Amino acid sequence: MKKVKIVVIVFFFLILLSSLIGNKSNLAEAFHISDYKCVGCEACVDACPVQAISIVGGKAVIDQAKCIKCGICVGGNFADYTGCPVEAISPPTEEEANEE
């Protein structure tokens, strides 16, 4: 019985580890903010559930290591934030999404 528990624990650990490694390799597929379009209004900063967006030099910047690709910054949170008011944030391109 102990061997079965150990095998199950090791199995789940390996799945978790492979998932984490996979997520780190897909960081290039995160959302993008256009420096040209961004007006630095900070609306996306307040809306990001993981605090992955900050203002640097008057423009919004996404910390790709923190971004969970939820899309709230682009499409809104269905409550008080309706998405980027100047459409400066874009989702991953179709090519980036297909690279997974």
PDB file of N, CA and C in Angstrom:
ATOM      1  N   MET A   1       0.826  -1.197   0.000  1.00  0.00           N
ATOM      2  CA  MET A   1       0.000   0.000   0.000  1.00  0.00           C
ATOM      3  C   MET A   1       0.872   1.263   0.000  1.00  0.00           C
ATOM      4  N   LYS A   2       1.980   1.232   0.732  1.00  0.00           N
ATOM      5  CA  LYS A   2       2.864   2.386   0.764  1.00  0.00           C
ATOM      6  C   LYS A   2       3.478   2.645  -0.610  1.00  0.00           C
ATOM      7  N   LYS A   3       3.803   1.579  -1.334  1.00  0.00           N
ATOM      8  CA  LYS A   3       4.393   1.730  -2.661  1.00  0.00           C
ATOM      9  C   LYS A   3       3.424   2.405  -3.617  1.00  0.00           C
ATOM     10  N   VAL A   4       2.168   2.071  -3.510  1.00  0.00           N
ATOM     11  CA  VAL A   4       1.153   2.675  -4.371  1.00  0.00           C
ATOM     12  C   VAL A   4       1.055   4.178  -4.081  1.00  0.00           C
ATOM     13  N   LYS A   5       1.053   4.554  -2.822  1.00  0.00           N
ATOM     14  CA  LYS A   5       0.985   5.965  -2.448  1.00  0.00           C
ATOM     15  C   LYS A   5       2.205   6.714  -2.966  1.00  0.00           C
ATOM     16  N   ILE A   6       3.359   6.109  -2.847  1.00  0.00           N
ATOM     17  CA  ILE A   6       4.587   6.758  -3.310  1.00  0.00           C
ATOM     18  C   ILE A   6       4.550   6.931  -4.826  1.00  0.00           C
ATOM     19  N   VAL A   7       4.111   5.924  -5.529  1.00  0.00           N
ATOM     20  CA  VAL A   7       4.020   6.014  -6.991  1.00  0.00           C
ATOM     21  C   VAL A   7       3.042   7.104  -7.402  1.00  0.00           C
ATOM     22  N   VAL A   8       1.918   7.186  -6.741  1.00  0.00           N
ATOM     23  CA  VAL A   8       0.912   8.216  -7.056  1.00  0.00           C
ATOM     24  C   VAL A   8       1.480   9.608  -6.781  1.00  0.00           C
ATOM     25  N   ILE A   9       2.145   9.777  -5.674  1.00  0.00           N
ATOM     26  CA  ILE A   9       2.723  11.081  -5.327  1.00  0.00           C
ATOM     27  C   ILE A   9       3.793  11.466  -6.345  1.00  0.00           C
ATOM     28  N   VAL A  10       4.657  10.548  -6.691  1.00  0.00           N
ATOM     29  CA  VAL A  10       5.700  10.827  -7.684  1.00  0.00           C
ATOM     30  C   VAL A  10       5.073  11.164  -9.035  1.00  0.00           C
ATOM     31  N   PHE A  11       4.041  10.436  -9.414  1.00  0.00           N
ATOM     32  CA  PHE A  11       3.344  10.688 -10.675  1.00  0.00           C
ATOM     33  C   PHE A  11       2.797  12.117 -10.727  1.00  0.00           C
ATOM     34  N   PHE A  12       2.086  12.529  -9.687  1.00  0.00           N
ATOM     35  CA  PHE A  12       1.524  13.881  -9.657  1.00  0.00           C
ATOM     36  C   PHE A  12       2.613  14.939  -9.596  1.00  0.00           C
ATOM     37  N   PHE A  13       3.685  14.667  -8.903  1.00  0.00           N
ATOM     38  CA  PHE A  13       4.804  15.603  -8.846  1.00  0.00           C
ATOM     39  C   PHE A  13       5.396  15.803 -10.241  1.00  0.00           C
ATOM     40  N   LEU A  14       5.563  14.723 -10.993  1.00  0.00           N
ATOM     41  CA  LEU A  14       6.113  14.822 -12.340  1.00  0.00           C
ATOM     42  C   LEU A  14       5.186  15.599 -13.275  1.00  0.00           C
ATOM     43  N   ILE A  15       3.893  15.386 -13.121  1.00  0.00           N
ATOM     44  CA  ILE A  15       2.930  16.149 -13.927  1.00  0.00           C
ATOM     45  C   ILE A  15       3.031  17.639 -13.593  1.00  0.00           C
ATOM     46  N   LEU A  16       3.081  17.966 -12.325  1.00  0.00           N
ATOM     47  CA  LEU A  16       3.208  19.360 -11.900  1.00  0.00           C
ATOM     48  C   LEU A  16       4.500  19.967 -12.425  1.00  0.00           C
ATOM     49  N   LEU A  17       5.585  19.256 -12.294  1.00  0.00           N
ATOM     50  CA  LEU A  17       6.878  19.749 -12.758  1.00  0.00           C
ATOM     51  C   LEU A  17       6.874  19.992 -14.257  1.00  0.00           C
ATOM     52  N   SER A  18       6.330  19.076 -15.036  1.00  0.00           N
ATOM     53  CA  SER A  18       6.291  19.258 -16.484  1.00  0.00           C
ATOM     54  C   SER A  18       5.393  20.433 -16.862  1.00  0.00           C
ATOM     55  N   SER A  19       4.335  20.645 -16.117  1.00  0.00           N
ATOM     56  CA  SER A  19       3.451  21.780 -16.363  1.00  0.00           C
ATOM     57  C   SER A  19       4.169  23.099 -16.115  1.00  0.00           C
ATOM     58  N   LEU A  20       4.918  23.162 -15.035  1.00  0.00           N
ATOM     59  CA  LEU A  20       5.659  24.388 -14.726  1.00  0.00           C
ATOM     60  C   LEU A  20       6.726  24.666 -15.763  1.00  0.00           C
ATOM     61  N   ILE A  21       7.436  23.657 -16.191  1.00  0.00           N
ATOM     62  CA  ILE A  21       8.462  23.830 -17.217  1.00  0.00           C
ATOM     63  C   ILE A  21       7.817  24.269 -18.520  1.00  0.00           C
ATOM     64  N   GLY A  22       6.696  23.680 -18.863  1.00  0.00           N
ATOM     65  CA  GLY A  22       5.985  24.048 -20.085  1.00  0.00           C
ATOM     66  C   GLY A  22       5.521  25.480 -20.066  1.00  0.00           C
ATOM     67  N   ASN A  23       5.027  25.955 -18.925  1.00  0.00           N
ATOM     68  CA  ASN A  23       4.554  27.333 -18.828  1.00  0.00           C
ATOM     69  C   ASN A  23       5.690  28.325 -18.996  1.00  0.00           C
ATOM     70  N   LYS A  24       6.860  28.040 -18.474  1.00  0.00           N
ATOM     71  CA  LYS A  24       7.989  28.943 -18.604  1.00  0.00           C
ATOM     72  C   LYS A  24       8.450  29.044 -20.051  1.00  0.00           C
ATOM     73  N   SER A  25       8.348  27.971 -20.799  1.00  0.00           N
ATOM     74  CA  SER A  25       8.786  28.006 -22.197  1.00  0.00           C
ATOM     75  C   SER A  25       7.793  28.739 -23.088  1.00  0.00           C
ATOM     76  N   ASN A  26       6.561  28.967 -22.626  1.00  0.00           N
ATOM     77  CA  ASN A  26       5.543  29.631 -23.428  1.00  0.00           C
ATOM     78  C   ASN A  26       5.374  31.107 -23.075  1.00  0.00           C
ATOM     79  N   LEU A  27       6.351  31.691 -22.389  1.00  0.00           N
ATOM     80  CA  LEU A  27       6.203  33.077 -21.970  1.00  0.00           C
ATOM     81  C   LEU A  27       6.086  34.032 -23.155  1.00  0.00           C
ATOM     82  N   ALA A  28       6.651  33.687 -24.294  1.00  0.00           N
ATOM     83  CA  ALA A  28       6.568  34.559 -25.458  1.00  0.00           C
ATOM     84  C   ALA A  28       5.137  34.667 -25.972  1.00  0.00           C
ATOM     85  N   GLU A  29       4.255  33.808 -25.527  1.00  0.00           N
ATOM     86  CA  GLU A  29       2.879  33.799 -26.001  1.00  0.00           C
ATOM     87  C   GLU A  29       1.956  34.652 -25.143  1.00  0.00           C
ATOM     88  N   ALA A  30       2.501  35.479 -24.276  1.00  0.00           N
ATOM     89  CA  ALA A  30       1.687  36.303 -23.402  1.00  0.00           C
ATOM     90  C   ALA A  30       1.158  37.526 -24.152  1.00  0.00           C
ATOM     91  N   PHE A  31       0.382  38.313 -23.477  1.00  0.00           N
ATOM     92  CA  PHE A  31      -0.227  39.501 -24.053  1.00  0.00           C
ATOM     93  C   PHE A  31       0.811  40.600 -24.265  1.00  0.00           C
ATOM     94  N   HIS A  32       0.519  41.502 -25.207  1.00  0.00           N
ATOM     95  CA  HIS A  32       1.441  42.567 -25.582  1.00  0.00           C
ATOM     96  C   HIS A  32       0.771  43.926 -25.400  1.00  0.00           C
ATOM     97  N   ILE A  33       1.559  44.940 -25.018  1.00  0.00           N
ATOM     98  CA  ILE A  33       1.056  46.313 -24.913  1.00  0.00           C
ATOM     99  C   ILE A  33       1.818  47.176 -25.900  1.00  0.00           C
ATOM    100  N   SER A  34       1.093  47.904 -26.726  1.00  0.00           N
ATOM    101  CA  SER A  34       1.686  48.792 -27.718  1.00  0.00           C
ATOM    102  C   SER A  34       2.144  50.078 -27.034  1.00  0.00           C
ATOM    103  N   ASP A  35       3.433  50.372 -27.119  1.00  0.00           N
ATOM    104  CA  ASP A  35       3.948  51.629 -26.557  1.00  0.00           C
ATOM    105  C   ASP A  35       3.327  52.832 -27.258  1.00  0.00           C
ATOM    106  N   TYR A  36       3.047  52.668 -28.543  1.00  0.00           N
ATOM    107  CA  TYR A  36       2.485  53.753 -29.335  1.00  0.00           C
ATOM    108  C   TYR A  36       1.053  54.086 -28.895  1.00  0.00           C
ATOM    109  N   LYS A  37       0.237  53.061 -28.646  1.00  0.00           N
ATOM    110  CA  LYS A  37      -1.165  53.282 -28.303  1.00  0.00           C
ATOM    111  C   LYS A  37      -1.406  53.577 -26.829  1.00  0.00           C
ATOM    112  N   CYS A  38      -0.578  53.012 -25.946  1.00  0.00           N
ATOM    113  CA  CYS A  38      -0.807  53.148 -24.500  1.00  0.00           C
ATOM    114  C   CYS A  38      -0.707  54.605 -24.062  1.00  0.00           C
ATOM    115  N   VAL A  39      -1.701  55.045 -23.281  1.00  0.00           N
ATOM    116  CA  VAL A  39      -1.719  56.414 -22.773  1.00  0.00           C
ATOM    117  C   VAL A  39      -1.395  56.465 -21.284  1.00  0.00           C
ATOM    118  N   GLY A  40      -1.093  55.304 -20.684  1.00  0.00           N
ATOM    119  CA  GLY A  40      -0.713  55.260 -19.274  1.00  0.00           C
ATOM    120  C   GLY A  40      -1.843  55.556 -18.315  1.00  0.00           C
ATOM    121  N   CYS A  41      -3.055  55.186 -18.661  1.00  0.00           N
ATOM    122  CA  CYS A  41      -4.221  55.508 -17.824  1.00  0.00           C
ATOM    123  C   CYS A  41      -4.290  54.666 -16.544  1.00  0.00           C
ATOM    124  N   GLU A  42      -3.560  53.563 -16.487  1.00  0.00           N
ATOM    125  CA  GLU A  42      -3.473  52.658 -15.339  1.00  0.00           C
ATOM    126  C   GLU A  42      -4.715  51.806 -15.092  1.00  0.00           C
ATOM    127  N   ALA A  43      -5.673  51.827 -15.997  1.00  0.00           N
ATOM    128  CA  ALA A  43      -6.884  51.019 -15.809  1.00  0.00           C
ATOM    129  C   ALA A  43      -6.536  49.534 -15.775  1.00  0.00           C
ATOM    130  N   CYS A  44      -5.645  49.104 -16.650  1.00  0.00           N
ATOM    131  CA  CYS A  44      -5.255  47.690 -16.700  1.00  0.00           C
ATOM    132  C   CYS A  44      -4.458  47.279 -15.467  1.00  0.00           C
ATOM    133  N   VAL A  45      -3.724  48.214 -14.902  1.00  0.00           N
ATOM    134  CA  VAL A  45      -2.929  47.920 -13.696  1.00  0.00           C
ATOM    135  C   VAL A  45      -3.860  47.493 -12.566  1.00  0.00           C
ATOM    136  N   ASP A  46      -4.922  48.244 -12.375  1.00  0.00           N
ATOM    137  CA  ASP A  46      -5.886  47.934 -11.314  1.00  0.00           C
ATOM    138  C   ASP A  46      -6.696  46.675 -11.612  1.00  0.00           C
ATOM    139  N   ALA A  47      -6.904  46.367 -12.893  1.00  0.00           N
ATOM    140  CA  ALA A  47      -7.734  45.227 -13.270  1.00  0.00           C
ATOM    141  C   ALA A  47      -6.993  43.896 -13.236  1.00  0.00           C
ATOM    142  N   CYS A  48      -5.685  43.910 -13.354  1.00  0.00           N
ATOM    143  CA  CYS A  48      -4.920  42.658 -13.429  1.00  0.00           C
ATOM    144  C   CYS A  48      -5.005  41.902 -12.100  1.00  0.00           C
ATOM    145  N   PRO A  49      -5.515  40.661 -12.121  1.00  0.00           N
ATOM    146  CA  PRO A  49      -5.701  39.916 -10.878  1.00  0.00           C
ATOM    147  C   PRO A  49      -4.407  39.422 -10.233  1.00  0.00           C
ATOM    148  N   VAL A  50      -3.298  39.437 -10.978  1.00  0.00           N
ATOM    149  CA  VAL A  50      -2.030  38.954 -10.420  1.00  0.00           C
ATOM    150  C   VAL A  50      -0.965  40.050 -10.367  1.00  0.00           C
ATOM    151  N   GLN A  51      -1.366  41.288 -10.520  1.00  0.00           N
ATOM    152  CA  GLN A  51      -0.468  42.438 -10.480  1.00  0.00           C
ATOM    153  C   GLN A  51       0.722  42.278 -11.425  1.00  0.00           C
ATOM    154  N   ALA A  52       0.446  41.788 -12.650  1.00  0.00           N
ATOM    155  CA  ALA A  52       1.502  41.596 -13.643  1.00  0.00           C
ATOM    156  C   ALA A  52       1.740  42.842 -14.485  1.00  0.00           C
ATOM    157  N   ILE A  53       0.884  43.855 -14.339  1.00  0.00           N
ATOM    158  CA  ILE A  53       1.014  45.070 -15.146  1.00  0.00           C
ATOM    159  C   ILE A  53       1.395  46.240 -14.239  1.00  0.00           C
ATOM    160  N   SER A  54       2.381  47.011 -14.697  1.00  0.00           N
ATOM    161  CA  SER A  54       2.795  48.202 -13.962  1.00  0.00           C
ATOM    162  C   SER A  54       3.056  49.317 -14.968  1.00  0.00           C
ATOM    163  N   ILE A  55       3.196  50.520 -14.468  1.00  0.00           N
ATOM    164  CA  ILE A  55       3.492  51.667 -15.318  1.00  0.00           C
ATOM    165  C   ILE A  55       4.979  51.966 -15.205  1.00  0.00           C
ATOM    166  N   VAL A  56       5.645  51.976 -16.349  1.00  0.00           N
ATOM    167  CA  VAL A  56       7.074  52.282 -16.405  1.00  0.00           C
ATOM    168  C   VAL A  56       7.267  53.356 -17.475  1.00  0.00           C
ATOM    169  N   GLY A  57       7.797  54.482 -17.080  1.00  0.00           N
ATOM    170  CA  GLY A  57       7.999  55.565 -18.033  1.00  0.00           C
ATOM    171  C   GLY A  57       6.715  56.077 -18.640  1.00  0.00           C
ATOM    172  N   GLY A  58       5.620  56.024 -17.884  1.00  0.00           N
ATOM    173  CA  GLY A  58       4.338  56.528 -18.355  1.00  0.00           C
ATOM    174  C   GLY A  58       3.556  55.568 -19.233  1.00  0.00           C
ATOM    175  N   LYS A  59       4.046  54.348 -19.401  1.00  0.00           N
ATOM    176  CA  LYS A  59       3.374  53.357 -20.234  1.00  0.00           C
ATOM    177  C   LYS A  59       3.199  52.061 -19.449  1.00  0.00           C
ATOM    178  N   ALA A  60       2.149  51.313 -19.763  1.00  0.00           N
ATOM    179  CA  ALA A  60       1.904  50.031 -19.108  1.00  0.00           C
ATOM    180  C   ALA A  60       2.882  48.987 -19.650  1.00  0.00           C
ATOM    181  N   VAL A  61       3.363  48.142 -18.734  1.00  0.00           N
ATOM    182  CA  VAL A  61       4.291  47.067 -19.080  1.00  0.00           C
ATOM    183  C   VAL A  61       3.816  45.801 -18.391  1.00  0.00           C
ATOM    184  N   ILE A  62       3.820  44.679 -19.124  1.00  0.00           N
ATOM    185  CA  ILE A  62       3.401  43.402 -18.551  1.00  0.00           C
ATOM    186  C   ILE A  62       4.632  42.612 -18.132  1.00  0.00           C
ATOM    187  N   ASP A  63       4.658  42.183 -16.882  1.00  0.00           N
ATOM    188  CA  ASP A  63       5.700  41.279 -16.392  1.00  0.00           C
ATOM    189  C   ASP A  63       5.319  39.886 -16.878  1.00  0.00           C
ATOM    190  N   GLN A  64       5.998  39.411 -17.915  1.00  0.00           N
ATOM    191  CA  GLN A  64       5.635  38.148 -18.546  1.00  0.00           C
ATOM    192  C   GLN A  64       5.757  36.957 -17.597  1.00  0.00           C
ATOM    193  N   ALA A  65       6.613  37.052 -16.602  1.00  0.00           N
ATOM    194  CA  ALA A  65       6.766  35.955 -15.640  1.00  0.00           C
ATOM    195  C   ALA A  65       5.549  35.837 -14.728  1.00  0.00           C
ATOM    196  N   LYS A  66       4.855  36.945 -14.497  1.00  0.00           N
ATOM    197  CA  LYS A  66       3.673  36.936 -13.639  1.00  0.00           C
ATOM    198  C   LYS A  66       2.366  36.727 -14.409  1.00  0.00           C
ATOM    199  N   CYS A  67       2.356  37.082 -15.687  1.00  0.00           N
ATOM    200  CA  CYS A  67       1.135  37.036 -16.498  1.00  0.00           C
ATOM    201  C   CYS A  67       0.595  35.613 -16.588  1.00  0.00           C
ATOM    202  N   ILE A  68      -0.705  35.469 -16.301  1.00  0.00           N
ATOM    203  CA  ILE A  68      -1.350  34.150 -16.376  1.00  0.00           C
ATOM    204  C   ILE A  68      -2.209  34.023 -17.629  1.00  0.00           C
ATOM    205  N   LYS A  69      -2.126  35.003 -18.511  1.00  0.00           N
ATOM    206  CA  LYS A  69      -2.824  34.979 -19.805  1.00  0.00           C
ATOM    207  C   LYS A  69      -4.336  34.844 -19.650  1.00  0.00           C
ATOM    208  N   CYS A  70      -4.892  35.523 -18.665  1.00  0.00           N
ATOM    209  CA  CYS A  70      -6.337  35.436 -18.426  1.00  0.00           C
ATOM    210  C   CYS A  70      -7.139  36.285 -19.412  1.00  0.00           C
ATOM    211  N   GLY A  71      -6.522  37.325 -19.970  1.00  0.00           N
ATOM    212  CA  GLY A  71      -7.194  38.167 -20.947  1.00  0.00           C
ATOM    213  C   GLY A  71      -8.028  39.286 -20.380  1.00  0.00           C
ATOM    214  N   ILE A  72      -8.040  39.438 -19.082  1.00  0.00           N
ATOM    215  CA  ILE A  72      -8.834  40.510 -18.470  1.00  0.00           C
ATOM    216  C   ILE A  72      -8.347  41.875 -18.945  1.00  0.00           C
ATOM    217  N   CYS A  73      -7.055  42.030 -19.136  1.00  0.00           N
ATOM    218  CA  CYS A  73      -6.509  43.314 -19.570  1.00  0.00           C
ATOM    219  C   CYS A  73      -7.049  43.722 -20.940  1.00  0.00           C
ATOM    220  N   VAL A  74      -7.370  42.752 -21.774  1.00  0.00           N
ATOM    221  CA  VAL A  74      -7.889  43.030 -23.118  1.00  0.00           C
ATOM    222  C   VAL A  74      -9.410  43.124 -23.121  1.00  0.00           C
ATOM    223  N   GLY A  75     -10.073  42.118 -22.576  1.00  0.00           N
ATOM    224  CA  GLY A  75     -11.523  42.021 -22.703  1.00  0.00           C
ATOM    225  C   GLY A  75     -12.344  42.473 -21.518  1.00  0.00           C
ATOM    226  N   GLY A  76     -11.703  42.783 -20.416  1.00  0.00           N
ATOM    227  CA  GLY A  76     -12.436  43.233 -19.238  1.00  0.00           C
ATOM    228  C   GLY A  76     -12.729  42.105 -18.270  1.00  0.00           C
ATOM    229  N   ASN A  77     -13.297  42.488 -17.131  1.00  0.00           N
ATOM    230  CA  ASN A  77     -13.575  41.514 -16.065  1.00  0.00           C
ATOM    231  C   ASN A  77     -15.067  41.313 -15.832  1.00  0.00           C
ATOM    232  N   PHE A  78     -15.892  41.808 -16.721  1.00  0.00           N
ATOM    233  CA  PHE A  78     -17.353  41.669 -16.649  1.00  0.00           C
ATOM    234  C   PHE A  78     -17.945  42.327 -15.407  1.00  0.00           C
ATOM    235  N   ALA A  79     -17.220  43.246 -14.813  1.00  0.00           N
ATOM    236  CA  ALA A  79     -17.729  43.968 -13.654  1.00  0.00           C
ATOM    237  C   ALA A  79     -17.502  45.466 -13.875  1.00  0.00           C
ATOM    238  N   ASP A  80     -16.345  45.958 -13.449  1.00  0.00           N
ATOM    239  CA  ASP A  80     -16.081  47.389 -13.516  1.00  0.00           C
ATOM    240  C   ASP A  80     -15.030  47.781 -14.550  1.00  0.00           C
ATOM    241  N   TYR A  81     -14.419  46.812 -15.227  1.00  0.00           N
ATOM    242  CA  TYR A  81     -13.384  47.090 -16.216  1.00  0.00           C
ATOM    243  C   TYR A  81     -13.791  46.442 -17.532  1.00  0.00           C
ATOM    244  N   THR A  82     -13.884  47.236 -18.575  1.00  0.00           N
ATOM    245  CA  THR A  82     -14.356  46.733 -19.864  1.00  0.00           C
ATOM    246  C   THR A  82     -13.231  46.488 -20.863  1.00  0.00           C
ATOM    247  N   GLY A  83     -12.002  46.533 -20.408  1.00  0.00           N
ATOM    248  CA  GLY A  83     -10.858  46.330 -21.289  1.00  0.00           C
ATOM    249  C   GLY A  83     -10.131  47.630 -21.537  1.00  0.00           C
ATOM    250  N   CYS A  84      -9.009  47.544 -22.208  1.00  0.00           N
ATOM    251  CA  CYS A  84      -8.191  48.728 -22.487  1.00  0.00           C
ATOM    252  C   CYS A  84      -8.999  49.750 -23.281  1.00  0.00           C
ATOM    253  N   PRO A  85      -9.134  50.974 -22.759  1.00  0.00           N
ATOM    254  CA  PRO A  85      -9.965  51.971 -23.436  1.00  0.00           C
ATOM    255  C   PRO A  85      -9.391  52.452 -24.769  1.00  0.00           C
ATOM    256  N   VAL A  86      -8.088  52.259 -24.999  1.00  0.00           N
ATOM    257  CA  VAL A  86      -7.487  52.690 -26.258  1.00  0.00           C
ATOM    258  C   VAL A  86      -7.002  51.499 -27.088  1.00  0.00           C
ATOM    259  N   GLU A  87      -7.403  50.291 -26.682  1.00  0.00           N
ATOM    260  CA  GLU A  87      -7.058  49.053 -27.372  1.00  0.00           C
ATOM    261  C   GLU A  87      -5.558  48.902 -27.600  1.00  0.00           C
ATOM    262  N   ALA A  88      -4.773  49.224 -26.555  1.00  0.00           N
ATOM    263  CA  ALA A  88      -3.316  49.120 -26.647  1.00  0.00           C
ATOM    264  C   ALA A  88      -2.813  47.723 -26.314  1.00  0.00           C
ATOM    265  N   ILE A  89      -3.671  46.894 -25.732  1.00  0.00           N
ATOM    266  CA  ILE A  89      -3.257  45.546 -25.335  1.00  0.00           C
ATOM    267  C   ILE A  89      -3.812  44.539 -26.330  1.00  0.00           C
ATOM    268  N   SER A  90      -2.943  43.634 -26.752  1.00  0.00           N
ATOM    269  CA  SER A  90      -3.385  42.613 -27.707  1.00  0.00           C
ATOM    270  C   SER A  90      -3.029  41.225 -27.189  1.00  0.00           C
ATOM    271  N   PRO A  91      -3.868  40.250 -27.542  1.00  0.00           N
ATOM    272  CA  PRO A  91      -3.598  38.864 -27.142  1.00  0.00           C
ATOM    273  C   PRO A  91      -2.476  38.288 -27.989  1.00  0.00           C
ATOM    274  N   PRO A  92      -2.032  37.083 -27.648  1.00  0.00           N
ATOM    275  CA  PRO A  92      -1.008  36.440 -28.479  1.00  0.00           C
ATOM    276  C   PRO A  92      -1.516  36.277 -29.907  1.00  0.00           C
ATOM    277  N   THR A  93      -0.611  36.364 -30.862  1.00  0.00           N
ATOM    278  CA  THR A  93      -1.006  36.159 -32.253  1.00  0.00           C
ATOM    279  C   THR A  93      -1.374  34.706 -32.462  1.00  0.00           C
ATOM    280  N   GLU A  94      -2.054  34.425 -33.555  1.00  0.00           N
ATOM    281  CA  GLU A  94      -2.453  33.055 -33.858  1.00  0.00           C
ATOM    282  C   GLU A  94      -1.220  32.157 -34.007  1.00  0.00           C
ATOM    283  N   GLU A  95      -0.159  32.688 -34.596  1.00  0.00           N
ATOM    284  CA  GLU A  95       1.078  31.912 -34.748  1.00  0.00           C
ATOM    285  C   GLU A  95       1.671  31.540 -33.392  1.00  0.00           C
ATOM    286  N   GLU A  96       1.672  32.500 -32.451  1.00  0.00           N
ATOM    287  CA  GLU A  96       2.203  32.235 -31.115  1.00  0.00           C
ATOM    288  C   GLU A  96       1.352  31.193 -30.400  1.00  0.00           C
ATOM    289  N   ALA A  97       0.046  31.302 -30.539  1.00  0.00           N
ATOM    290  CA  ALA A  97      -0.853  30.355 -29.884  1.00  0.00           C
ATOM    291  C   ALA A  97      -0.684  28.945 -30.454  1.00  0.00           C
ATOM    292  N   ASN A  98      -0.402  28.836 -31.741  1.00  0.00           N
ATOM    293  CA  ASN A  98      -0.234  27.525 -32.378  1.00  0.00           C
ATOM    294  C   ASN A  98       1.101  26.872 -32.044  1.00  0.00           C
ATOM    295  N   GLU A  99       2.058  27.660 -31.523  1.00  0.00           N
ATOM    296  CA  GLU A  99       3.369  27.110 -31.168  1.00  0.00           C
ATOM    297  C   GLU A  99       3.322  26.225 -29.945  1.00  0.00           C
ATOM    298  N   GLU A 100       2.240  26.276 -29.180  1.00  0.00           N
ATOM    299  CA  GLU A 100       2.102  25.428 -27.996  1.00  0.00           C
ATOM    300  C   GLU A 100       2.101  24.028 -28.432  1.00  0.00           C
TER     301      GLU A 100
END
